[in-house]
Amino acid sequence: YSITNRGDGTASYLVGLEYLDGDGDLLGSTGVMADKLGPGKTSK
């Protein structure tokens, strides 16, 4: 994953991810975060 702050100020991100089976049914979920990401910065 890649989280890029395209805003004007520093921001933190919480991103929810869902994992699916072959039929598109939800199996489960998790999340990733980026703390205090400056403008134009990317967390990979």
ModelCIF file with pLDDT and N, C-alpha, C, O atoms, coordinates in Angstrom:
data_MODEL
#
_entry.id   MODEL 
#
_entity.id                         1 
_entity.type                       polymer 
_entity.pdbx_number_of_molecules   1 
#
_entity_poly.entity_id                      1 
_entity_poly.type                           'polypeptide(L)' 
_entity_poly.nstd_linkage                   no 
_entity_poly.nstd_monomer                   no 
_entity_poly.pdbx_seq_one_letter_code       YSITNRGDGTASYLVGLEYLDGDGDLLGSTGVMADKLGPGKTSK 
_entity_poly.pdbx_seq_one_letter_code_can   YSITNRGDGTASYLVGLEYLDGDGDLLGSTGVMADKLGPGKTSK 
_entity_poly.pdbx_strand_id                 A 
#
loop_
_entity_poly_seq.entity_id 
_entity_poly_seq.num 
_entity_poly_seq.mon_id 
_entity_poly_seq.hetero 
1 1  TYR n 
1 2  SER n 
1 3  ILE n 
1 4  THR n 
1 5  ASN n 
1 6  ARG n 
1 7  GLY n 
1 8  ASP n 
1 9  GLY n 
1 10 THR n 
1 11 ALA n 
1 12 SER n 
1 13 TYR n 
1 14 LEU n 
1 15 VAL n 
1 16 GLY n 
1 17 LEU n 
1 18 GLU n 
1 19 TYR n 
1 20 LEU n 
1 21 ASP n 
1 22 GLY n 
1 23 ASP n 
1 24 GLY n 
1 25 ASP n 
1 26 LEU n 
1 27 LEU n 
1 28 GLY n 
1 29 SER n 
1 30 THR n 
1 31 GLY n 
1 32 VAL n 
1 33 MET n 
1 34 ALA n 
1 35 ASP n 
1 36 LYS n 
1 37 LEU n 
1 38 GLY n 
1 39 PRO n 
1 40 GLY n 
1 41 LYS n 
1 42 THR n 
1 43 SER n 
1 44 LYS n 
#
_struct_asym.id          A 
_struct_asym.entity_id   1 
#
loop_
_ma_qa_metric.id 
_ma_qa_metric.mode 
_ma_qa_metric.name 
_ma_qa_metric.software_group_id 
_ma_qa_metric.type 
1 global pLDDT . pLDDT 
2 local  pLDDT . pLDDT 
#
_ma_qa_metric_global.metric_id      1 
_ma_qa_metric_global.metric_value   96.61 
_ma_qa_metric_global.model_id       1 
_ma_qa_metric_global.ordinal_id     1 
#
loop_
_ma_qa_metric_local.label_asym_id 
_ma_qa_metric_local.label_comp_id 
_ma_qa_metric_local.label_seq_id 
_ma_qa_metric_local.metric_id 
_ma_qa_metric_local.metric_value 
_ma_qa_metric_local.model_id 
_ma_qa_metric_local.ordinal_id 
A TYR 1  2 97.00 1 1  
A SER 2  2 97.00 1 2  
A ILE 3  2 97.00 1 3  
A THR 4  2 97.00 1 4  
A ASN 5  2 96.00 1 5  
A ARG 6  2 94.00 1 6  
A GLY 7  2 92.00 1 7  
A ASP 8  2 92.00 1 8  
A GLY 9  2 95.00 1 9  
A THR 10 2 97.00 1 10 
A ALA 11 2 96.00 1 11 
A SER 12 2 96.00 1 12 
A TYR 13 2 96.00 1 13 
A LEU 14 2 96.00 1 14 
A VAL 15 2 97.00 1 15 
A GLY 16 2 96.00 1 16 
A LEU 17 2 97.00 1 17 
A GLU 18 2 97.00 1 18 
A TYR 19 2 98.00 1 19 
A LEU 20 2 98.00 1 20 
A ASP 21 2 98.00 1 21 
A GLY 22 2 97.00 1 22 
A ASP 23 2 97.00 1 23 
A GLY 24 2 97.00 1 24 
A ASP 25 2 98.00 1 25 
A LEU 26 2 98.00 1 26 
A LEU 27 2 98.00 1 27 
A GLY 28 2 97.00 1 28 
A SER 29 2 97.00 1 29 
A THR 30 2 96.00 1 30 
A GLY 31 2 96.00 1 31 
A VAL 32 2 97.00 1 32 
A MET 33 2 96.00 1 33 
A ALA 34 2 97.00 1 34 
A ASP 35 2 97.00 1 35 
A LYS 36 2 97.00 1 36 
A LEU 37 2 97.00 1 37 
A GLY 38 2 97.00 1 38 
A PRO 39 2 97.00 1 39 
A GLY 40 2 96.00 1 40 
A LYS 41 2 97.00 1 41 
A THR 42 2 98.00 1 42 
A SER 43 2 98.00 1 43 
A LYS 44 2 97.00 1 44 
#
loop_
_atom_site.group_PDB 
_atom_site.id 
_atom_site.type_symbol 
_atom_site.label_atom_id 
_atom_site.label_alt_id 
_atom_site.label_comp_id 
_atom_site.label_asym_id 
_atom_site.label_entity_id 
_atom_site.label_seq_id 
_atom_site.pdbx_PDB_ins_code 
_atom_site.Cartn_x 
_atom_site.Cartn_y 
_atom_site.Cartn_z 
_atom_site.occupancy 
_atom_site.B_iso_or_equiv 
_atom_site.pdbx_formal_charge 
_atom_site.auth_seq_id 
_atom_site.auth_comp_id 
_atom_site.auth_asym_id 
_atom_site.auth_atom_id 
_atom_site.pdbx_PDB_model_num 
ATOM 1   N N  . TYR A 1 1  ? 0.831   -1.196  0.000  1.00 97.00 ? 1  TYR A N  1 
ATOM 2   C CA . TYR A 1 1  ? 0.000   0.000   0.000  1.00 97.00 ? 1  TYR A CA 1 
ATOM 3   C C  . TYR A 1 1  ? 0.866   1.246   0.000  1.00 97.00 ? 1  TYR A C  1 
ATOM 4   O O  . TYR A 1 1  ? 2.049   1.214   0.339  1.00 97.00 ? 1  TYR A O  1 
ATOM 5   N N  . SER A 1 2  ? 0.239   2.337   -0.390 1.00 97.00 ? 2  SER A N  1 
ATOM 6   C CA . SER A 1 2  ? 0.893   3.633   -0.418 1.00 97.00 ? 2  SER A CA 1 
ATOM 7   C C  . SER A 1 2  ? -0.135  4.675   0.012  1.00 97.00 ? 2  SER A C  1 
ATOM 8   O O  . SER A 1 2  ? -1.245  4.722   -0.517 1.00 97.00 ? 2  SER A O  1 
ATOM 9   N N  . ILE A 1 3  ? 0.247   5.506   0.972  1.00 97.00 ? 3  ILE A N  1 
ATOM 10  C CA . ILE A 1 3  ? -0.607  6.602   1.435  1.00 97.00 ? 3  ILE A CA 1 
ATOM 11  C C  . ILE A 1 3  ? 0.150   7.893   1.186  1.00 97.00 ? 3  ILE A C  1 
ATOM 12  O O  . ILE A 1 3  ? 1.217   8.105   1.762  1.00 97.00 ? 3  ILE A O  1 
ATOM 13  N N  . THR A 1 4  ? -0.381  8.756   0.338  1.00 97.00 ? 4  THR A N  1 
ATOM 14  C CA . THR A 1 4  ? 0.263   10.024  -0.010 1.00 97.00 ? 4  THR A CA 1 
ATOM 15  C C  . THR A 1 4  ? -0.625  11.169  0.456  1.00 97.00 ? 4  THR A C  1 
ATOM 16  O O  . THR A 1 4  ? -1.797  11.240  0.084  1.00 97.00 ? 4  THR A O  1 
ATOM 17  N N  . ASN A 1 5  ? -0.081  12.053  1.258  1.00 96.00 ? 5  ASN A N  1 
ATOM 18  C CA . ASN A 1 5  ? -0.833  13.217  1.728  1.00 96.00 ? 5  ASN A CA 1 
ATOM 19  C C  . ASN A 1 5  ? -0.842  14.263  0.619  1.00 96.00 ? 5  ASN A C  1 
ATOM 20  O O  . ASN A 1 5  ? 0.149   14.961  0.401  1.00 96.00 ? 5  ASN A O  1 
ATOM 21  N N  . ARG A 1 6  ? -1.957  14.361  -0.069 1.00 94.00 ? 6  ARG A N  1 
ATOM 22  C CA . ARG A 1 6  ? -2.101  15.342  -1.146 1.00 94.00 ? 6  ARG A CA 1 
ATOM 23  C C  . ARG A 1 6  ? -2.763  16.631  -0.657 1.00 94.00 ? 6  ARG A C  1 
ATOM 24  O O  . ARG A 1 6  ? -3.101  17.506  -1.454 1.00 94.00 ? 6  ARG A O  1 
ATOM 25  N N  . GLY A 1 7  ? -2.943  16.735  0.647  1.00 92.00 ? 7  GLY A N  1 
ATOM 26  C CA . GLY A 1 7  ? -3.539  17.937  1.235  1.00 92.00 ? 7  GLY A CA 1 
ATOM 27  C C  . GLY A 1 7  ? -2.501  19.008  1.510  1.00 92.00 ? 7  GLY A C  1 
ATOM 28  O O  . GLY A 1 7  ? -1.316  18.842  1.220  1.00 92.00 ? 7  GLY A O  1 
ATOM 29  N N  . ASP A 1 8  ? -2.971  20.106  2.075  1.00 92.00 ? 8  ASP A N  1 
ATOM 30  C CA . ASP A 1 8  ? -2.099  21.254  2.347  1.00 92.00 ? 8  ASP A CA 1 
ATOM 31  C C  . ASP A 1 8  ? -1.380  21.169  3.685  1.00 92.00 ? 8  ASP A C  1 
ATOM 32  O O  . ASP A 1 8  ? -0.333  21.794  3.849  1.00 92.00 ? 8  ASP A O  1 
ATOM 33  N N  . GLY A 1 9  ? -1.903  20.422  4.639  1.00 95.00 ? 9  GLY A N  1 
ATOM 34  C CA . GLY A 1 9  ? -1.294  20.337  5.963  1.00 95.00 ? 9  GLY A CA 1 
ATOM 35  C C  . GLY A 1 9  ? -1.013  18.909  6.369  1.00 95.00 ? 9  GLY A C  1 
ATOM 36  O O  . GLY A 1 9  ? -1.441  17.964  5.706  1.00 95.00 ? 9  GLY A O  1 
ATOM 37  N N  . THR A 1 10 ? -0.289  18.759  7.467  1.00 97.00 ? 10 THR A N  1 
ATOM 38  C CA . THR A 1 10 ? 0.021   17.450  8.025  1.00 97.00 ? 10 THR A CA 1 
ATOM 39  C C  . THR A 1 10 ? -1.275  16.743  8.427  1.00 97.00 ? 10 THR A C  1 
ATOM 40  O O  . THR A 1 10 ? -2.203  17.374  8.932  1.00 97.00 ? 10 THR A O  1 
ATOM 41  N N  . ALA A 1 11 ? -1.329  15.425  8.198  1.00 96.00 ? 11 ALA A N  1 
ATOM 42  C CA . ALA A 1 11 ? -2.528  14.652  8.530  1.00 96.00 ? 11 ALA A CA 1 
ATOM 43  C C  . ALA A 1 11 ? -2.140  13.221  8.889  1.00 96.00 ? 11 ALA A C  1 
ATOM 44  O O  . ALA A 1 11 ? -1.097  12.719  8.472  1.00 96.00 ? 11 ALA A O  1 
ATOM 45  N N  . SER A 1 12 ? -2.998  12.582  9.667  1.00 96.00 ? 12 SER A N  1 
ATOM 46  C CA . SER A 1 12 ? -2.860  11.162  9.975  1.00 96.00 ? 12 SER A CA 1 
ATOM 47  C C  . SER A 1 12 ? -3.968  10.412  9.252  1.00 96.00 ? 12 SER A C  1 
ATOM 48  O O  . SER A 1 12 ? -5.067  10.934  9.065  1.00 96.00 ? 12 SER A O  1 
ATOM 49  N N  . TYR A 1 13 ? -3.667  9.180   8.846  1.00 96.00 ? 13 TYR A N  1 
ATOM 50  C CA . TYR A 1 13 ? -4.597  8.369   8.075  1.00 96.00 ? 13 TYR A CA 1 
ATOM 51  C C  . TYR A 1 13 ? -4.840  7.034   8.757  1.00 96.00 ? 13 TYR A C  1 
ATOM 52  O O  . TYR A 1 13 ? -3.919  6.427   9.304  1.00 96.00 ? 13 TYR A O  1 
ATOM 53  N N  . LEU A 1 14 ? -6.093  6.580   8.721  1.00 96.00 ? 14 LEU A N  1 
ATOM 54  C CA . LEU A 1 14 ? -6.474  5.234   9.117  1.00 96.00 ? 14 LEU A CA 1 
ATOM 55  C C  . LEU A 1 14 ? -7.225  4.645   7.929  1.00 96.00 ? 14 LEU A C  1 
ATOM 56  O O  . LEU A 1 14 ? -8.259  5.171   7.518  1.00 96.00 ? 14 LEU A O  1 
ATOM 57  N N  . VAL A 1 15 ? -6.698  3.549   7.377  1.00 97.00 ? 15 VAL A N  1 
ATOM 58  C CA . VAL A 1 15 ? -7.244  2.951   6.159  1.00 97.00 ? 15 VAL A CA 1 
ATOM 59  C C  . VAL A 1 15 ? -7.742  1.543   6.481  1.00 97.00 ? 15 VAL A C  1 
ATOM 60  O O  . VAL A 1 15 ? -6.977  0.701   6.952  1.00 97.00 ? 15 VAL A O  1 
ATOM 61  N N  . GLY A 1 16 ? -9.016  1.293   6.227  1.00 96.00 ? 16 GLY A N  1 
ATOM 62  C CA . GLY A 1 16 ? -9.601  -0.029  6.423  1.00 96.00 ? 16 GLY A CA 1 
ATOM 63  C C  . GLY A 1 16 ? -9.472  -0.855  5.159  1.00 96.00 ? 16 GLY A C  1 
ATOM 64  O O  . GLY A 1 16 ? -9.726  -0.362  4.060  1.00 96.00 ? 16 GLY A O  1 
ATOM 65  N N  . LEU A 1 17 ? -9.080  -2.107  5.309  1.00 97.00 ? 17 LEU A N  1 
ATOM 66  C CA . LEU A 1 17 ? -8.945  -3.040  4.186  1.00 97.00 ? 17 LEU A CA 1 
ATOM 67  C C  . LEU A 1 17 ? -9.855  -4.234  4.418  1.00 97.00 ? 17 LEU A C  1 
ATOM 68  O O  . LEU A 1 17 ? -9.965  -4.728  5.540  1.00 97.00 ? 17 LEU A O  1 
ATOM 69  N N  . GLU A 1 18 ? -10.508 -4.699  3.357  1.00 97.00 ? 18 GLU A N  1 
ATOM 70  C CA . GLU A 1 18 ? -11.362 -5.873  3.427  1.00 97.00 ? 18 GLU A CA 1 
ATOM 71  C C  . GLU A 1 18 ? -10.813 -6.949  2.494  1.00 97.00 ? 18 GLU A C  1 
ATOM 72  O O  . GLU A 1 18 ? -10.432 -6.668  1.358  1.00 97.00 ? 18 GLU A O  1 
ATOM 73  N N  . TYR A 1 19 ? -10.779 -8.192  2.996  1.00 98.00 ? 19 TYR A N  1 
ATOM 74  C CA . TYR A 1 19 ? -10.311 -9.335  2.226  1.00 98.00 ? 19 TYR A CA 1 
ATOM 75  C C  . TYR A 1 19 ? -11.514 -10.137 1.755  1.00 98.00 ? 19 TYR A C  1 
ATOM 76  O O  . TYR A 1 19 ? -12.422 -10.426 2.535  1.00 98.00 ? 19 TYR A O  1 
ATOM 77  N N  . LEU A 1 20 ? -11.516 -10.501 0.450  1.00 98.00 ? 20 LEU A N  1 
ATOM 78  C CA . LEU A 1 20 ? -12.661 -11.147 -0.183 1.00 98.00 ? 20 LEU A CA 1 
ATOM 79  C C  . LEU A 1 20 ? -12.288 -12.506 -0.752 1.00 98.00 ? 20 LEU A C  1 
ATOM 80  O O  . LEU A 1 20 ? -11.139 -12.743 -1.124 1.00 98.00 ? 20 LEU A O  1 
ATOM 81  N N  . ASP A 1 21 ? -13.272 -13.394 -0.815 1.00 98.00 ? 21 ASP A N  1 
ATOM 82  C CA . ASP A 1 21 ? -13.046 -14.699 -1.442 1.00 98.00 ? 21 ASP A CA 1 
ATOM 83  C C  . ASP A 1 21 ? -13.331 -14.602 -2.938 1.00 98.00 ? 21 ASP A C  1 
ATOM 84  O O  . ASP A 1 21 ? -13.574 -13.510 -3.450 1.00 98.00 ? 21 ASP A O  1 
ATOM 85  N N  . GLY A 1 22 ? -13.305 -15.720 -3.634 1.00 97.00 ? 22 GLY A N  1 
ATOM 86  C CA . GLY A 1 22 ? -13.503 -15.739 -5.080 1.00 97.00 ? 22 GLY A CA 1 
ATOM 87  C C  . GLY A 1 22 ? -14.883 -15.291 -5.524 1.00 97.00 ? 22 GLY A C  1 
ATOM 88  O O  . GLY A 1 22 ? -15.054 -14.880 -6.672 1.00 97.00 ? 22 GLY A O  1 
ATOM 89  N N  . ASP A 1 23 ? -15.882 -15.360 -4.633 1.00 97.00 ? 23 ASP A N  1 
ATOM 90  C CA . ASP A 1 23 ? -17.235 -14.904 -4.947 1.00 97.00 ? 23 ASP A CA 1 
ATOM 91  C C  . ASP A 1 23 ? -17.453 -13.443 -4.576 1.00 97.00 ? 23 ASP A C  1 
ATOM 92  O O  . ASP A 1 23 ? -18.538 -12.899 -4.786 1.00 97.00 ? 23 ASP A O  1 
ATOM 93  N N  . GLY A 1 24 ? -16.420 -12.807 -4.023 1.00 97.00 ? 24 GLY A N  1 
ATOM 94  C CA . GLY A 1 24 ? -16.553 -11.418 -3.585 1.00 97.00 ? 24 GLY A CA 1 
ATOM 95  C C  . GLY A 1 24 ? -17.134 -11.270 -2.193 1.00 97.00 ? 24 GLY A C  1 
ATOM 96  O O  . GLY A 1 24 ? -17.455 -10.158 -1.774 1.00 97.00 ? 24 GLY A O  1 
ATOM 97  N N  . ASP A 1 25 ? -17.277 -12.385 -1.461 1.00 98.00 ? 25 ASP A N  1 
ATOM 98  C CA . ASP A 1 25 ? -17.802 -12.339 -0.099 1.00 98.00 ? 25 ASP A CA 1 
ATOM 99  C C  . ASP A 1 25 ? -16.710 -11.929 0.880  1.00 98.00 ? 25 ASP A C  1 
ATOM 100 O O  . ASP A 1 25 ? -15.547 -12.299 0.716  1.00 98.00 ? 25 ASP A O  1 
ATOM 101 N N  . LEU A 1 26 ? -17.086 -11.171 1.888  1.00 98.00 ? 26 LEU A N  1 
ATOM 102 C CA . LEU A 1 26 ? -16.147 -10.672 2.891  1.00 98.00 ? 26 LEU A CA 1 
ATOM 103 C C  . LEU A 1 26 ? -15.657 -11.803 3.792  1.00 98.00 ? 26 LEU A C  1 
ATOM 104 O O  . LEU A 1 26 ? -16.458 -12.512 4.402  1.00 98.00 ? 26 LEU A O  1 
ATOM 105 N N  . LEU A 1 27 ? -14.341 -11.963 3.871  1.00 98.00 ? 27 LEU A N  1 
ATOM 106 C CA . LEU A 1 27 ? -13.732 -12.943 4.764  1.00 98.00 ? 27 LEU A CA 1 
ATOM 107 C C  . LEU A 1 27 ? -13.303 -12.311 6.081  1.00 98.00 ? 27 LEU A C  1 
ATOM 108 O O  . LEU A 1 27 ? -13.410 -12.935 7.136  1.00 98.00 ? 27 LEU A O  1 
ATOM 109 N N  . GLY A 1 28 ? -12.819 -11.074 6.020  1.00 97.00 ? 28 GLY A N  1 
ATOM 110 C CA . GLY A 1 28 ? -12.337 -10.382 7.207  1.00 97.00 ? 28 GLY A CA 1 
ATOM 111 C C  . GLY A 1 28 ? -11.740 -9.047  6.831  1.00 97.00 ? 28 GLY A C  1 
ATOM 112 O O  . GLY A 1 28 ? -11.771 -8.642  5.668  1.00 97.00 ? 28 GLY A O  1 
ATOM 113 N N  . SER A 1 29 ? -11.191 -8.359  7.831  1.00 97.00 ? 29 SER A N  1 
ATOM 114 C CA . SER A 1 29 ? -10.668 -7.019  7.587  1.00 97.00 ? 29 SER A CA 1 
ATOM 115 C C  . SER A 1 29 ? -9.527  -6.687  8.527  1.00 97.00 ? 29 SER A C  1 
ATOM 116 O O  . SER A 1 29 ? -9.330  -7.323  9.563  1.00 97.00 ? 29 SER A O  1 
ATOM 117 N N  . THR A 1 30 ? -8.792  -5.676  8.131  1.00 96.00 ? 30 THR A N  1 
ATOM 118 C CA . THR A 1 30 ? -7.709  -5.141  8.946  1.00 96.00 ? 30 THR A CA 1 
ATOM 119 C C  . THR A 1 30 ? -7.545  -3.675  8.556  1.00 96.00 ? 30 THR A C  1 
ATOM 120 O O  . THR A 1 30 ? -8.376  -3.134  7.826  1.00 96.00 ? 30 THR A O  1 
ATOM 121 N N  . GLY A 1 31 ? -6.509  -3.045  9.022  1.00 96.00 ? 31 GLY A N  1 
ATOM 122 C CA . GLY A 1 31 ? -6.272  -1.652  8.670  1.00 96.00 ? 31 GLY A CA 1 
ATOM 123 C C  . GLY A 1 31 ? -4.810  -1.290  8.776  1.00 96.00 ? 31 GLY A C  1 
ATOM 124 O O  . GLY A 1 31 ? -4.018  -1.992  9.405  1.00 96.00 ? 31 GLY A O  1 
ATOM 125 N N  . VAL A 1 32 ? -4.470  -0.187  8.154  1.00 97.00 ? 32 VAL A N  1 
ATOM 126 C CA . VAL A 1 32 ? -3.123  0.364   8.230  1.00 97.00 ? 32 VAL A CA 1 
ATOM 127 C C  . VAL A 1 32 ? -3.236  1.842   8.564  1.00 97.00 ? 32 VAL A C  1 
ATOM 128 O O  . VAL A 1 32 ? -4.286  2.451   8.360  1.00 97.00 ? 32 VAL A O  1 
ATOM 129 N N  . MET A 1 33 ? -2.174  2.408   9.068  1.00 96.00 ? 33 MET A N  1 
ATOM 130 C CA . MET A 1 33 ? -2.216  3.825   9.384  1.00 96.00 ? 33 MET A CA 1 
ATOM 131 C C  . MET A 1 33 ? -0.906  4.507   9.052  1.00 96.00 ? 33 MET A C  1 
ATOM 132 O O  . MET A 1 33 ? 0.148   3.878   8.953  1.00 96.00 ? 33 MET A O  1 
ATOM 133 N N  . ALA A 1 34 ? -1.005  5.809   8.883  1.00 97.00 ? 34 ALA A N  1 
ATOM 134 C CA . ALA A 1 34 ? 0.170   6.665   8.708  1.00 97.00 ? 34 ALA A CA 1 
ATOM 135 C C  . ALA A 1 34 ? -0.033  7.847   9.638  1.00 97.00 ? 34 ALA A C  1 
ATOM 136 O O  . ALA A 1 34 ? -1.020  8.572   9.516  1.00 97.00 ? 34 ALA A O  1 
ATOM 137 N N  . ASP A 1 35 ? 0.889   8.047   10.565 1.00 97.00 ? 35 ASP A N  1 
ATOM 138 C CA . ASP A 1 35 ? 0.795   9.138   11.542 1.00 97.00 ? 35 ASP A CA 1 
ATOM 139 C C  . ASP A 1 35 ? 1.559   10.363  11.082 1.00 97.00 ? 35 ASP A C  1 
ATOM 140 O O  . ASP A 1 35 ? 2.695   10.270  10.618 1.00 97.00 ? 35 ASP A O  1 
ATOM 141 N N  . LYS A 1 36 ? 0.915   11.515  11.218 1.00 97.00 ? 36 LYS A N  1 
ATOM 142 C CA . LYS A 1 36 ? 1.537   12.818  11.001 1.00 97.00 ? 36 LYS A CA 1 
ATOM 143 C C  . LYS A 1 36 ? 2.330   12.873  9.702  1.00 97.00 ? 36 LYS A C  1 
ATOM 144 O O  . LYS A 1 36 ? 3.522   13.180  9.696  1.00 97.00 ? 36 LYS A O  1 
ATOM 145 N N  . LEU A 1 37 ? 1.656   12.574  8.615  1.00 97.00 ? 37 LEU A N  1 
ATOM 146 C CA . LEU A 1 37 ? 2.254   12.578  7.286  1.00 97.00 ? 37 LEU A CA 1 
ATOM 147 C C  . LEU A 1 37 ? 2.203   13.999  6.741  1.00 97.00 ? 37 LEU A C  1 
ATOM 148 O O  . LEU A 1 37 ? 1.123   14.576  6.610  1.00 97.00 ? 37 LEU A O  1 
ATOM 149 N N  . GLY A 1 38 ? 3.362   14.566  6.424  1.00 97.00 ? 38 GLY A N  1 
ATOM 150 C CA . GLY A 1 38 ? 3.437   15.930  5.926  1.00 97.00 ? 38 GLY A CA 1 
ATOM 151 C C  . GLY A 1 38 ? 2.890   16.060  4.516  1.00 97.00 ? 38 GLY A C  1 
ATOM 152 O O  . GLY A 1 38 ? 2.779   15.067  3.796  1.00 97.00 ? 38 GLY A O  1 
ATOM 153 N N  . PRO A 1 39 ? 2.547   17.284  4.115  1.00 97.00 ? 39 PRO A N  1 
ATOM 154 C CA . PRO A 1 39 ? 2.035   17.515  2.758  1.00 97.00 ? 39 PRO A CA 1 
ATOM 155 C C  . PRO A 1 39 ? 3.026   17.009  1.707  1.00 97.00 ? 39 PRO A C  1 
ATOM 156 O O  . PRO A 1 39 ? 4.222   17.291  1.785  1.00 97.00 ? 39 PRO A O  1 
ATOM 157 N N  . GLY A 1 40 ? 2.522   16.263  0.728  1.00 96.00 ? 40 GLY A N  1 
ATOM 158 C CA . GLY A 1 40 ? 3.364   15.739  -0.339 1.00 96.00 ? 40 GLY A CA 1 
ATOM 159 C C  . GLY A 1 40 ? 4.184   14.523  0.044  1.00 96.00 ? 40 GLY A C  1 
ATOM 160 O O  . GLY A 1 40 ? 4.900   13.986  -0.801 1.00 96.00 ? 40 GLY A O  1 
ATOM 161 N N  . LYS A 1 41 ? 4.107   14.071  1.274  1.00 97.00 ? 41 LYS A N  1 
ATOM 162 C CA . LYS A 1 41 ? 4.880   12.908  1.734  1.00 97.00 ? 41 LYS A CA 1 
ATOM 163 C C  . LYS A 1 41 ? 4.082   11.629  1.521  1.00 97.00 ? 41 LYS A C  1 
ATOM 164 O O  . LYS A 1 41 ? 2.851   11.640  1.507  1.00 97.00 ? 41 LYS A O  1 
ATOM 165 N N  . THR A 1 42 ? 4.815   10.517  1.355  1.00 98.00 ? 42 THR A N  1 
ATOM 166 C CA . THR A 1 42 ? 4.206   9.213   1.117  1.00 98.00 ? 42 THR A CA 1 
ATOM 167 C C  . THR A 1 42 ? 4.724   8.203   2.124  1.00 98.00 ? 42 THR A C  1 
ATOM 168 O O  . THR A 1 42 ? 5.922   8.139   2.401  1.00 98.00 ? 42 THR A O  1 
ATOM 169 N N  . SER A 1 43 ? 3.817   7.424   2.662  1.00 98.00 ? 43 SER A N  1 
ATOM 170 C CA . SER A 1 43 ? 4.158   6.286   3.512  1.00 98.00 ? 43 SER A CA 1 
ATOM 171 C C  . SER A 1 43 ? 3.832   5.033   2.721  1.00 98.00 ? 43 SER A C  1 
ATOM 172 O O  . SER A 1 43 ? 2.688   4.826   2.315  1.00 98.00 ? 43 SER A O  1 
ATOM 173 N N  . LYS A 1 44 ? 4.844   4.193   2.501  1.00 97.00 ? 44 LYS A N  1 
ATOM 174 C CA . LYS A 1 44 ? 4.663   2.946   1.754  1.00 97.00 ? 44 LYS A CA 1 
ATOM 175 C C  . LYS A 1 44 ? 4.960   1.777   2.664  1.00 97.00 ? 44 LYS A C  1 
ATOM 176 O O  . LYS A 1 44 ? 4.870   0.626   2.238  1.00 97.00 ? 44 LYS A O  1 
#
